[in-house]
Amino acid sequence: MSYEPPTPPANLPTEIVTTLNESDLEQLRDVATYAEALAEHKEREARLKESADQEEVEERPDDLPDNVPAKATVTIKEINNNRYYYWQWRKGDSVKSKYKGPVNPND
């Protein structure tokens, strides 16, 4: 182990290096623990986002129109004694629908 202080990474902002250099041993240990936990959390969030993006692409039904999100479900609406399929999804506080086709009574 060298008696010289470590060289900070080149991409670390000067303000952070200065703050760390002015910190006592306990604060440095706390920063190290926090930084490691924060890095793990951000890695986990990135993995979850990536897997959610992949699931959305993989689960997208073939007959889903381009302007309908993958999370949409098919519902049946009855209008004037006729039944129709609609894609339906939530957007903010409202529910959006898009016509899919008539319900075949033989299904």
PDB file of N, CA and C in Angstrom:
ATOM      1  N   MET A   1       0.848  -1.184   0.000  1.00  0.00           N
ATOM      2  CA  MET A   1       0.000   0.000   0.000  1.00  0.00           C
ATOM      3  C   MET A   1       0.887   1.239   0.000  1.00  0.00           C
ATOM      4  N   SER A   2       0.555   2.167  -0.854  1.00  0.00           N
ATOM      5  CA  SER A   2       1.355   3.382  -1.024  1.00  0.00           C
ATOM      6  C   SER A   2       1.034   4.395   0.070  1.00  0.00           C
ATOM      7  N   TYR A   3       2.017   5.217   0.383  1.00  0.00           N
ATOM      8  CA  TYR A   3       1.809   6.301   1.341  1.00  0.00           C
ATOM      9  C   TYR A   3       1.300   7.566   0.666  1.00  0.00           C
ATOM     10  N   GLU A   4       1.202   7.528  -0.645  1.00  0.00           N
ATOM     11  CA  GLU A   4       0.695   8.657  -1.418  1.00  0.00           C
ATOM     12  C   GLU A   4      -0.832   8.583  -1.474  1.00  0.00           C
ATOM     13  N   PRO A   5      -1.517   9.751  -1.451  1.00  0.00           N
ATOM     14  CA  PRO A   5      -2.982   9.718  -1.579  1.00  0.00           C
ATOM     15  C   PRO A   5      -3.378   9.205  -2.965  1.00  0.00           C
ATOM     16  N   PRO A   6      -4.541   8.572  -3.055  1.00  0.00           N
ATOM     17  CA  PRO A   6      -4.975   8.045  -4.359  1.00  0.00           C
ATOM     18  C   PRO A   6      -5.284   9.168  -5.332  1.00  0.00           C
ATOM     19  N   THR A   7      -5.158   8.848  -6.607  1.00  0.00           N
ATOM     20  CA  THR A   7      -5.485   9.798  -7.666  1.00  0.00           C
ATOM     21  C   THR A   7      -6.958   9.618  -8.025  1.00  0.00           C
ATOM     22  N   PRO A   8      -7.744  10.689  -7.981  1.00  0.00           N
ATOM     23  CA  PRO A   8      -9.172  10.547  -8.307  1.00  0.00           C
ATOM     24  C   PRO A   8      -9.367  10.241  -9.791  1.00  0.00           C
ATOM     25  N   PRO A   9     -10.457   9.566 -10.128  1.00  0.00           N
ATOM     26  CA  PRO A   9     -10.754   9.314 -11.541  1.00  0.00           C
ATOM     27  C   PRO A   9     -10.868  10.638 -12.300  1.00  0.00           C
ATOM     28  N   ALA A  10     -10.422  10.640 -13.537  1.00  0.00           N
ATOM     29  CA  ALA A  10     -10.420  11.863 -14.345  1.00  0.00           C
ATOM     30  C   ALA A  10     -11.824  12.393 -14.612  1.00  0.00           C
ATOM     31  N   ASN A  11     -12.811  11.499 -14.657  1.00  0.00           N
ATOM     32  CA  ASN A  11     -14.177  11.943 -14.984  1.00  0.00           C
ATOM     33  C   ASN A  11     -14.969  12.393 -13.749  1.00  0.00           C
ATOM     34  N   LEU A  12     -14.352  12.394 -12.568  1.00  0.00           N
ATOM     35  CA  LEU A  12     -15.032  12.833 -11.355  1.00  0.00           C
ATOM     36  C   LEU A  12     -14.976  14.362 -11.267  1.00  0.00           C
ATOM     37  N   PRO A  13     -16.122  15.027 -11.096  1.00  0.00           N
ATOM     38  CA  PRO A  13     -16.127  16.495 -11.023  1.00  0.00           C
ATOM     39  C   PRO A  13     -15.249  17.022  -9.876  1.00  0.00           C
ATOM     40  N   THR A  14     -14.624  18.139 -10.103  1.00  0.00           N
ATOM     41  CA  THR A  14     -13.715  18.755  -9.129  1.00  0.00           C
ATOM     42  C   THR A  14     -14.410  19.006  -7.795  1.00  0.00           C
ATOM     43  N   GLU A  15     -15.672  19.435  -7.841  1.00  0.00           N
ATOM     44  CA  GLU A  15     -16.409  19.722  -6.594  1.00  0.00           C
ATOM     45  C   GLU A  15     -16.521  18.478  -5.721  1.00  0.00           C
ATOM     46  N   ILE A  16     -16.746  17.329  -6.346  1.00  0.00           N
ATOM     47  CA  ILE A  16     -16.870  16.078  -5.577  1.00  0.00           C
ATOM     48  C   ILE A  16     -15.513  15.702  -4.994  1.00  0.00           C
ATOM     49  N   VAL A  17     -14.454  15.818  -5.777  1.00  0.00           N
ATOM     50  CA  VAL A  17     -13.103  15.493  -5.293  1.00  0.00           C
ATOM     51  C   VAL A  17     -12.759  16.383  -4.108  1.00  0.00           C
ATOM     52  N   THR A  18     -13.038  17.671  -4.218  1.00  0.00           N
ATOM     53  CA  THR A  18     -12.752  18.614  -3.128  1.00  0.00           C
ATOM     54  C   THR A  18     -13.528  18.240  -1.877  1.00  0.00           C
ATOM     55  N   THR A  19     -14.823  17.946  -2.029  1.00  0.00           N
ATOM     56  CA  THR A  19     -15.654  17.567  -0.881  1.00  0.00           C
ATOM     57  C   THR A  19     -15.128  16.295  -0.228  1.00  0.00           C
ATOM     58  N   LEU A  20     -14.765  15.313  -1.042  1.00  0.00           N
ATOM     59  CA  LEU A  20     -14.231  14.063  -0.486  1.00  0.00           C
ATOM     60  C   LEU A  20     -12.906  14.305   0.244  1.00  0.00           C
ATOM     61  N   ASN A  21     -12.035  15.116  -0.330  1.00  0.00           N
ATOM     62  CA  ASN A  21     -10.743  15.411   0.303  1.00  0.00           C
ATOM     63  C   ASN A  21     -10.906  16.129   1.638  1.00  0.00           C
ATOM     64  N   GLU A  22     -11.997  16.883   1.784  1.00  0.00           N
ATOM     65  CA  GLU A  22     -12.253  17.619   3.028  1.00  0.00           C
ATOM     66  C   GLU A  22     -13.039  16.794   4.042  1.00  0.00           C
ATOM     67  N   SER A  23     -13.469  15.596   3.680  1.00  0.00           N
ATOM     68  CA  SER A  23     -14.288  14.753   4.557  1.00  0.00           C
ATOM     69  C   SER A  23     -13.418  13.958   5.523  1.00  0.00           C
ATOM     70  N   ASP A  24     -13.999  13.636   6.700  1.00  0.00           N
ATOM     71  CA  ASP A  24     -13.263  12.800   7.651  1.00  0.00           C
ATOM     72  C   ASP A  24     -13.470  11.330   7.301  1.00  0.00           C
ATOM     73  N   LEU A  25     -12.782  10.453   7.986  1.00  0.00           N
ATOM     74  CA  LEU A  25     -12.782   9.022   7.688  1.00  0.00           C
ATOM     75  C   LEU A  25     -14.200   8.427   7.747  1.00  0.00           C
ATOM     76  N   GLU A  26     -14.960   8.777   8.766  1.00  0.00           N
ATOM     77  CA  GLU A  26     -16.316   8.226   8.907  1.00  0.00           C
ATOM     78  C   GLU A  26     -17.212   8.657   7.740  1.00  0.00           C
ATOM     79  N   GLN A  27     -17.128   9.923   7.364  1.00  0.00           N
ATOM     80  CA  GLN A  27     -17.912  10.404   6.235  1.00  0.00           C
ATOM     81  C   GLN A  27     -17.502   9.690   4.942  1.00  0.00           C
ATOM     82  N   LEU A  28     -16.195   9.479   4.752  1.00  0.00           N
ATOM     83  CA  LEU A  28     -15.730   8.771   3.558  1.00  0.00           C
ATOM     84  C   LEU A  28     -16.270   7.347   3.509  1.00  0.00           C
ATOM     85  N   ARG A  29     -16.263   6.658   4.641  1.00  0.00           N
ATOM     86  CA  ARG A  29     -16.814   5.295   4.687  1.00  0.00           C
ATOM     87  C   ARG A  29     -18.311   5.312   4.367  1.00  0.00           C
ATOM     88  N   ASP A  30     -19.040   6.304   4.914  1.00  0.00           N
ATOM     89  CA  ASP A  30     -20.475   6.431   4.630  1.00  0.00           C
ATOM     90  C   ASP A  30     -20.720   6.719   3.145  1.00  0.00           C
ATOM     91  N   VAL A  31     -19.912   7.593   2.555  1.00  0.00           N
ATOM     92  CA  VAL A  31     -20.040   7.910   1.129  1.00  0.00           C
ATOM     93  C   VAL A  31     -19.791   6.663   0.294  1.00  0.00           C
ATOM     94  N   ALA A  32     -18.764   5.891   0.660  1.00  0.00           N
ATOM     95  CA  ALA A  32     -18.443   4.672  -0.090  1.00  0.00           C
ATOM     96  C   ALA A  32     -19.604   3.677  -0.028  1.00  0.00           C
ATOM     97  N   THR A  33     -20.175   3.491   1.151  1.00  0.00           N
ATOM     98  CA  THR A  33     -21.308   2.570   1.312  1.00  0.00           C
ATOM     99  C   THR A  33     -22.508   3.051   0.502  1.00  0.00           C
ATOM    100  N   TYR A  34     -22.790   4.347   0.607  1.00  0.00           N
ATOM    101  CA  TYR A  34     -23.921   4.913  -0.128  1.00  0.00           C
ATOM    102  C   TYR A  34     -23.704   4.822  -1.638  1.00  0.00           C
ATOM    103  N   ALA A  35     -22.506   5.161  -2.092  1.00  0.00           N
ATOM    104  CA  ALA A  35     -22.217   5.144  -3.531  1.00  0.00           C
ATOM    105  C   ALA A  35     -22.371   3.728  -4.089  1.00  0.00           C
ATOM    106  N   GLU A  36     -21.919   2.729  -3.367  1.00  0.00           N
ATOM    107  CA  GLU A  36     -22.050   1.343  -3.825  1.00  0.00           C
ATOM    108  C   GLU A  36     -23.525   0.927  -3.886  1.00  0.00           C
ATOM    109  N   ALA A  37     -24.279   1.279  -2.844  1.00  0.00           N
ATOM    110  CA  ALA A  37     -25.713   0.946  -2.828  1.00  0.00           C
ATOM    111  C   ALA A  37     -26.455   1.673  -3.947  1.00  0.00           C
ATOM    112  N   LEU A  38     -26.111   2.935  -4.178  1.00  0.00           N
ATOM    113  CA  LEU A  38     -26.759   3.717  -5.239  1.00  0.00           C
ATOM    114  C   LEU A  38     -26.438   3.146  -6.620  1.00  0.00           C
ATOM    115  N   ALA A  39     -25.194   2.737  -6.824  1.00  0.00           N
ATOM    116  CA  ALA A  39     -24.811   2.138  -8.106  1.00  0.00           C
ATOM    117  C   ALA A  39     -25.584   0.841  -8.342  1.00  0.00           C
ATOM    118  N   GLU A  40     -25.709   0.013  -7.313  1.00  0.00           N
ATOM    119  CA  GLU A  40     -26.481  -1.233  -7.452  1.00  0.00           C
ATOM    120  C   GLU A  40     -27.941  -0.939  -7.765  1.00  0.00           C
ATOM    121  N   HIS A  41     -28.503   0.072  -7.100  1.00  0.00           N
ATOM    122  CA  HIS A  41     -29.905   0.443  -7.340  1.00  0.00           C
ATOM    123  C   HIS A  41     -30.107   0.898  -8.792  1.00  0.00           C
ATOM    124  N   LYS A  42     -29.205   1.738  -9.293  1.00  0.00           N
ATOM    125  CA  LYS A  42     -29.332   2.228 -10.668  1.00  0.00           C
ATOM    126  C   LYS A  42     -29.147   1.100 -11.676  1.00  0.00           C
ATOM    127  N   GLU A  43     -28.258   0.168 -11.397  1.00  0.00           N
ATOM    128  CA  GLU A  43     -28.088  -0.997 -12.286  1.00  0.00           C
ATOM    129  C   GLU A  43     -29.364  -1.829 -12.316  1.00  0.00           C
ATOM    130  N   ARG A  44     -29.974  -2.044 -11.146  1.00  0.00           N
ATOM    131  CA  ARG A  44     -31.217  -2.825 -11.055  1.00  0.00           C
ATOM    132  C   ARG A  44     -32.347  -2.125 -11.810  1.00  0.00           C
ATOM    133  N   GLU A  45     -32.469  -0.812 -11.634  1.00  0.00           N
ATOM    134  CA  GLU A  45     -33.497  -0.043 -12.343  1.00  0.00           C
ATOM    135  C   GLU A  45     -33.306  -0.152 -13.853  1.00  0.00           C
ATOM    136  N   ALA A  46     -32.065  -0.061 -14.309  1.00  0.00           N
ATOM    137  CA  ALA A  46     -31.791  -0.163 -15.746  1.00  0.00           C
ATOM    138  C   ALA A  46     -32.155  -1.555 -16.265  1.00  0.00           C
ATOM    139  N   ARG A  47     -31.841  -2.601 -15.493  1.00  0.00           N
ATOM    140  CA  ARG A  47     -32.206  -3.968 -15.904  1.00  0.00           C
ATOM    141  C   ARG A  47     -33.715  -4.129 -15.962  1.00  0.00           C
ATOM    142  N   LEU A  48     -34.431  -3.602 -14.971  1.00  0.00           N
ATOM    143  CA  LEU A  48     -35.894  -3.712 -14.956  1.00  0.00           C
ATOM    144  C   LEU A  48     -36.512  -2.977 -16.130  1.00  0.00           C
ATOM    145  N   LYS A  49     -35.994  -1.787 -16.430  1.00  0.00           N
ATOM    146  CA  LYS A  49     -36.518  -1.026 -17.563  1.00  0.00           C
ATOM    147  C   LYS A  49     -36.255  -1.772 -18.859  1.00  0.00           C
ATOM    148  N   GLU A  50     -35.061  -2.316 -19.001  1.00  0.00           N
ATOM    149  CA  GLU A  50     -34.717  -3.054 -20.215  1.00  0.00           C
ATOM    150  C   GLU A  50     -35.596  -4.289 -20.366  1.00  0.00           C
ATOM    151  N   SER A  51     -35.827  -5.016 -19.268  1.00  0.00           N
ATOM    152  CA  SER A  51     -36.656  -6.218 -19.375  1.00  0.00           C
ATOM    153  C   SER A  51     -38.112  -5.857 -19.638  1.00  0.00           C
ATOM    154  N   ALA A  52     -38.592  -4.742 -19.064  1.00  0.00           N
ATOM    155  CA  ALA A  52     -39.968  -4.304 -19.334  1.00  0.00           C
ATOM    156  C   ALA A  52     -40.113  -3.902 -20.791  1.00  0.00           C
ATOM    157  N   ASP A  53     -39.110  -3.211 -21.345  1.00  0.00           N
ATOM    158  CA  ASP A  53     -39.152  -2.828 -22.756  1.00  0.00           C
ATOM    159  C   ASP A  53     -39.166  -4.061 -23.645  1.00  0.00           C
ATOM    160  N   GLN A  54     -38.378  -5.070 -23.307  1.00  0.00           N
ATOM    161  CA  GLN A  54     -38.334  -6.301 -24.098  1.00  0.00           C
ATOM    162  C   GLN A  54     -39.651  -7.057 -24.003  1.00  0.00           C
ATOM    163  N   GLU A  55     -40.235  -7.122 -22.786  1.00  0.00           N
ATOM    164  CA  GLU A  55     -41.515  -7.809 -22.617  1.00  0.00           C
ATOM    165  C   GLU A  55     -42.599  -7.130 -23.438  1.00  0.00           C
ATOM    166  N   GLU A  56     -42.594  -5.787 -23.459  1.00  0.00           N
ATOM    167  CA  GLU A  56     -43.611  -5.059 -24.219  1.00  0.00           C
ATOM    168  C   GLU A  56     -43.503  -5.400 -25.698  1.00  0.00           C
ATOM    169  N   VAL A  57     -42.307  -5.475 -26.201  1.00  0.00           N
ATOM    170  CA  VAL A  57     -42.107  -5.803 -27.607  1.00  0.00           C
ATOM    171  C   VAL A  57     -42.504  -7.250 -27.875  1.00  0.00           C
ATOM    172  N   GLU A  58     -42.108  -8.174 -26.992  1.00  0.00           N
ATOM    173  CA  GLU A  58     -42.387  -9.587 -27.192  1.00  0.00           C
ATOM    174  C   GLU A  58     -43.873  -9.913 -27.060  1.00  0.00           C
ATOM    175  N   GLU A  59     -44.582  -9.213 -26.174  1.00  0.00           N
ATOM    176  CA  GLU A  59     -45.975  -9.540 -25.905  1.00  0.00           C
ATOM    177  C   GLU A  59     -46.949  -8.798 -26.813  1.00  0.00           C
ATOM    178  N   ARG A  60     -46.485  -8.006 -27.708  1.00  0.00           N
ATOM    179  CA  ARG A  60     -47.366  -7.224 -28.578  1.00  0.00           C
ATOM    180  C   ARG A  60     -48.080  -8.155 -29.555  1.00  0.00           C
ATOM    181  N   PRO A  61     -49.411  -8.234 -29.472  1.00  0.00           N
ATOM    182  CA  PRO A  61     -50.168  -9.096 -30.384  1.00  0.00           C
ATOM    183  C   PRO A  61     -49.985  -8.681 -31.836  1.00  0.00           C
ATOM    184  N   ASP A  62     -50.049  -9.666 -32.733  1.00  0.00           N
ATOM    185  CA  ASP A  62     -49.854  -9.411 -34.160  1.00  0.00           C
ATOM    186  C   ASP A  62     -50.901  -8.463 -34.743  1.00  0.00           C
ATOM    187  N   ASP A  63     -52.130  -8.551 -34.239  1.00  0.00           N
ATOM    188  CA  ASP A  63     -53.197  -7.744 -34.810  1.00  0.00           C
ATOM    189  C   ASP A  63     -53.379  -6.398 -34.109  1.00  0.00           C
ATOM    190  N   LEU A  64     -52.445  -6.019 -33.258  1.00  0.00           N
ATOM    191  CA  LEU A  64     -52.537  -4.755 -32.535  1.00  0.00           C
ATOM    192  C   LEU A  64     -52.158  -3.600 -33.458  1.00  0.00           C
ATOM    193  N   PRO A  65     -53.047  -2.622 -33.651  1.00  0.00           N
ATOM    194  CA  PRO A  65     -52.726  -1.478 -34.505  1.00  0.00           C
ATOM    195  C   PRO A  65     -51.552  -0.678 -33.945  1.00  0.00           C
ATOM    196  N   ASP A  66     -50.860   0.034 -34.808  1.00  0.00           N
ATOM    197  CA  ASP A  66     -49.674   0.793 -34.403  1.00  0.00           C
ATOM    198  C   ASP A  66     -49.964   1.838 -33.334  1.00  0.00           C
ATOM    199  N   ASN A  67     -51.111   2.464 -33.374  1.00  0.00           N
ATOM    200  CA  ASN A  67     -51.405   3.543 -32.430  1.00  0.00           C
ATOM    201  C   ASN A  67     -52.088   3.055 -31.148  1.00  0.00           C
ATOM    202  N   VAL A  68     -52.060   1.740 -30.894  1.00  0.00           N
ATOM    203  CA  VAL A  68     -52.622   1.162 -29.673  1.00  0.00           C
ATOM    204  C   VAL A  68     -51.464   0.583 -28.860  1.00  0.00           C
ATOM    205  N   PRO A  69     -51.345   0.952 -27.563  1.00  0.00           N
ATOM    206  CA  PRO A  69     -50.227   0.446 -26.758  1.00  0.00           C
ATOM    207  C   PRO A  69     -50.339  -1.057 -26.485  1.00  0.00           C
ATOM    208  N   ALA A  70     -49.207  -1.694 -26.234  1.00  0.00           N
ATOM    209  CA  ALA A  70     -49.158  -3.137 -26.007  1.00  0.00           C
ATOM    210  C   ALA A  70     -49.941  -3.545 -24.763  1.00  0.00           C
ATOM    211  N   LYS A  71     -50.129  -2.641 -23.825  1.00  0.00           N
ATOM    212  CA  LYS A  71     -50.857  -2.971 -22.602  1.00  0.00           C
ATOM    213  C   LYS A  71     -52.377  -2.992 -22.793  1.00  0.00           C
ATOM    214  N   ALA A  72     -52.852  -2.668 -23.985  1.00  0.00           N
ATOM    215  CA  ALA A  72     -54.293  -2.639 -24.253  1.00  0.00           C
ATOM    216  C   ALA A  72     -54.882  -4.041 -24.155  1.00  0.00           C
ATOM    217  N   THR A  73     -56.117  -4.103 -23.730  1.00  0.00           N
ATOM    218  CA  THR A  73     -56.840  -5.372 -23.670  1.00  0.00           C
ATOM    219  C   THR A  73     -58.045  -5.304 -24.593  1.00  0.00           C
ATOM    220  N   VAL A  74     -58.560  -6.464 -24.934  1.00  0.00           N
ATOM    221  CA  VAL A  74     -59.742  -6.523 -25.799  1.00  0.00           C
ATOM    222  C   VAL A  74     -60.979  -6.589 -24.920  1.00  0.00           C
ATOM    223  N   THR A  75     -61.951  -5.724 -25.219  1.00  0.00           N
ATOM    224  CA  THR A  75     -63.226  -5.732 -24.510  1.00  0.00           C
ATOM    225  C   THR A  75     -64.356  -5.840 -25.527  1.00  0.00           C
ATOM    226  N   ILE A  76     -65.520  -6.219 -25.044  1.00  0.00           N
ATOM    227  CA  ILE A  76     -66.700  -6.321 -25.910  1.00  0.00           C
ATOM    228  C   ILE A  76     -67.688  -5.252 -25.495  1.00  0.00           C
ATOM    229  N   LYS A  77     -68.159  -4.490 -26.472  1.00  0.00           N
ATOM    230  CA  LYS A  77     -69.187  -3.479 -26.226  1.00  0.00           C
ATOM    231  C   LYS A  77     -70.419  -3.859 -27.033  1.00  0.00           C
ATOM    232  N   GLU A  78     -71.579  -3.642 -26.426  1.00  0.00           N
ATOM    233  CA  GLU A  78     -72.831  -3.912 -27.138  1.00  0.00           C
ATOM    234  C   GLU A  78     -73.478  -2.583 -27.497  1.00  0.00           C
ATOM    235  N   ILE A  79     -73.738  -2.426 -28.792  1.00  0.00           N
ATOM    236  CA  ILE A  79     -74.362  -1.204 -29.296  1.00  0.00           C
ATOM    237  C   ILE A  79     -75.528  -1.609 -30.188  1.00  0.00           C
ATOM    238  N   ASN A  80     -76.745  -1.176 -29.830  1.00  0.00           N
ATOM    239  CA  ASN A  80     -77.961  -1.509 -30.589  1.00  0.00           C
ATOM    240  C   ASN A  80     -78.083  -3.013 -30.831  1.00  0.00           C
ATOM    241  N   ASN A  81     -77.906  -3.784 -29.796  1.00  0.00           N
ATOM    242  CA  ASN A  81     -78.005  -5.246 -29.846  1.00  0.00           C
ATOM    243  C   ASN A  81     -76.943  -5.910 -30.728  1.00  0.00           C
ATOM    244  N   ASN A  82     -75.920  -5.190 -31.104  1.00  0.00           N
ATOM    245  CA  ASN A  82     -74.788  -5.749 -31.842  1.00  0.00           C
ATOM    246  C   ASN A  82     -73.564  -5.694 -30.933  1.00  0.00           C
ATOM    247  N   ARG A  83     -72.726  -6.738 -31.006  1.00  0.00           N
ATOM    248  CA  ARG A  83     -71.535  -6.805 -30.144  1.00  0.00           C
ATOM    249  C   ARG A  83     -70.281  -6.588 -30.980  1.00  0.00           C
ATOM    250  N   TYR A  84     -69.365  -5.767 -30.425  1.00  0.00           N
ATOM    251  CA  TYR A  84     -68.128  -5.403 -31.118  1.00  0.00           C
ATOM    252  C   TYR A  84     -66.931  -5.539 -30.186  1.00  0.00           C
ATOM    253  N   TYR A  85     -65.798  -5.936 -30.763  1.00  0.00           N
ATOM    254  CA  TYR A  85     -64.541  -5.946 -30.033  1.00  0.00           C
ATOM    255  C   TYR A  85     -63.902  -4.571 -30.127  1.00  0.00           C
ATOM    256  N   TYR A  86     -63.338  -4.117 -29.018  1.00  0.00           N
ATOM    257  CA  TYR A  86     -62.582  -2.873 -28.962  1.00  0.00           C
ATOM    258  C   TYR A  86     -61.287  -3.107 -28.195  1.00  0.00           C
ATOM    259  N   TRP A  87     -60.204  -2.484 -28.679  1.00  0.00           N
ATOM    260  CA  TRP A  87     -58.984  -2.401 -27.887  1.00  0.00           C
ATOM    261  C   TRP A  87     -59.244  -1.317 -26.850  1.00  0.00           C
ATOM    262  N   GLN A  88     -58.829  -1.539 -25.602  1.00  0.00           N
ATOM    263  CA  GLN A  88     -59.083  -0.546 -24.565  1.00  0.00           C
ATOM    264  C   GLN A  88     -57.856  -0.443 -23.662  1.00  0.00           C
ATOM    265  N   TRP A  89     -57.489   0.791 -23.308  1.00  0.00           N
ATOM    266  CA  TRP A  89     -56.348   1.013 -22.435  1.00  0.00           C
ATOM    267  C   TRP A  89     -56.534   2.314 -21.676  1.00  0.00           C
ATOM    268  N   ARG A  90     -55.794   2.450 -20.602  1.00  0.00           N
ATOM    269  CA  ARG A  90     -55.861   3.654 -19.776  1.00  0.00           C
ATOM    270  C   ARG A  90     -54.759   4.611 -20.211  1.00  0.00           C
ATOM    271  N   LYS A  91     -55.114   5.885 -20.335  1.00  0.00           N
ATOM    272  CA  LYS A  91     -54.154   6.938 -20.655  1.00  0.00           C
ATOM    273  C   LYS A  91     -54.412   8.077 -19.679  1.00  0.00           C
ATOM    274  N   GLY A  92     -53.553   8.179 -18.671  1.00  0.00           N
ATOM    275  CA  GLY A  92     -53.767   9.172 -17.623  1.00  0.00           C
ATOM    276  C   GLY A  92     -55.005   8.806 -16.827  1.00  0.00           C
ATOM    277  N   ASP A  93     -55.925   9.747 -16.706  1.00  0.00           N
ATOM    278  CA  ASP A  93     -57.165   9.508 -15.951  1.00  0.00           C
ATOM    279  C   ASP A  93     -58.309   9.004 -16.818  1.00  0.00           C
ATOM    280  N   SER A  94     -58.072   8.829 -18.118  1.00  0.00           N
ATOM    281  CA  SER A  94     -59.161   8.411 -18.996  1.00  0.00           C
ATOM    282  C   SER A  94     -58.888   7.034 -19.597  1.00  0.00           C
ATOM    283  N   VAL A  95     -59.934   6.433 -20.114  1.00  0.00           N
ATOM    284  CA  VAL A  95     -59.841   5.145 -20.789  1.00  0.00           C
ATOM    285  C   VAL A  95     -60.053   5.387 -22.277  1.00  0.00           C
ATOM    286  N   LYS A  96     -59.126   4.903 -23.085  1.00  0.00           N
ATOM    287  CA  LYS A  96     -59.191   5.062 -24.533  1.00  0.00           C
ATOM    288  C   LYS A  96     -59.636   3.745 -25.164  1.00  0.00           C
ATOM    289  N   SER A  97     -60.335   3.837 -26.284  1.00  0.00           N
ATOM    290  CA  SER A  97     -60.802   2.656 -27.013  1.00  0.00           C
ATOM    291  C   SER A  97     -60.548   2.821 -28.500  1.00  0.00           C
ATOM    292  N   LYS A  98     -60.329   1.689 -29.177  1.00  0.00           N
ATOM    293  CA  LYS A  98     -60.198   1.691 -30.636  1.00  0.00           C
ATOM    294  C   LYS A  98     -60.920   0.447 -31.147  1.00  0.00           C
ATOM    295  N   TYR A  99     -61.743   0.642 -32.145  1.00  0.00           N
ATOM    296  CA  TYR A  99     -62.529  -0.438 -32.734  1.00  0.00           C
ATOM    297  C   TYR A  99     -61.627  -1.531 -33.281  1.00  0.00           C
ATOM    298  N   LYS A 100     -61.991  -2.789 -33.003  1.00  0.00           N
ATOM    299  CA  LYS A 100     -61.243  -3.923 -33.527  1.00  0.00           C
ATOM    300  C   LYS A 100     -62.050  -4.686 -34.575  1.00  0.00           C
ATOM    301  N   GLY A 101     -63.323  -4.952 -34.280  1.00  0.00           N
ATOM    302  CA  GLY A 101     -64.153  -5.678 -35.229  1.00  0.00           C
ATOM    303  C   GLY A 101     -65.387  -6.241 -34.560  1.00  0.00           C
ATOM    304  N   PRO A 102     -66.306  -6.802 -35.353  1.00  0.00           N
ATOM    305  CA  PRO A 102     -67.524  -7.368 -34.782  1.00  0.00           C
ATOM    306  C   PRO A 102     -67.221  -8.686 -34.082  1.00  0.00           C
ATOM    307  N   VAL A 103     -68.068  -8.988 -33.083  1.00  0.00           N
ATOM    308  CA  VAL A 103     -67.966 -10.266 -32.393  1.00  0.00           C
ATOM    309  C   VAL A 103     -68.683 -11.300 -33.233  1.00  0.00           C
ATOM    310  N   ASN A 104     -68.027 -12.394 -33.519  1.00  0.00           N
ATOM    311  CA  ASN A 104     -68.637 -13.483 -34.255  1.00  0.00           C
ATOM    312  C   ASN A 104     -69.508 -14.286 -33.285  1.00  0.00           C
ATOM    313  N   PRO A 105     -70.811 -14.372 -33.537  1.00  0.00           N
ATOM    314  CA  PRO A 105     -71.696 -15.080 -32.604  1.00  0.00           C
ATOM    315  C   PRO A 105     -71.382 -16.582 -32.521  1.00  0.00           C
ATOM    316  N   ASN A 106     -70.598 -17.121 -33.429  1.00  0.00           N
ATOM    317  CA  ASN A 106     -70.273 -18.535 -33.412  1.00  0.00           C
ATOM    318  C   ASN A 106     -69.049 -18.847 -32.550  1.00  0.00           C
ATOM    319  N   ASP A 107     -68.401 -17.812 -31.967  1.00  0.00           N
ATOM    320  CA  ASP A 107     -67.193 -18.038 -31.141  1.00  0.00           C
ATOM    321  C   ASP A 107     -67.561 -18.659 -29.822  1.00  0.00           C
TER     322      ASP A 107
END
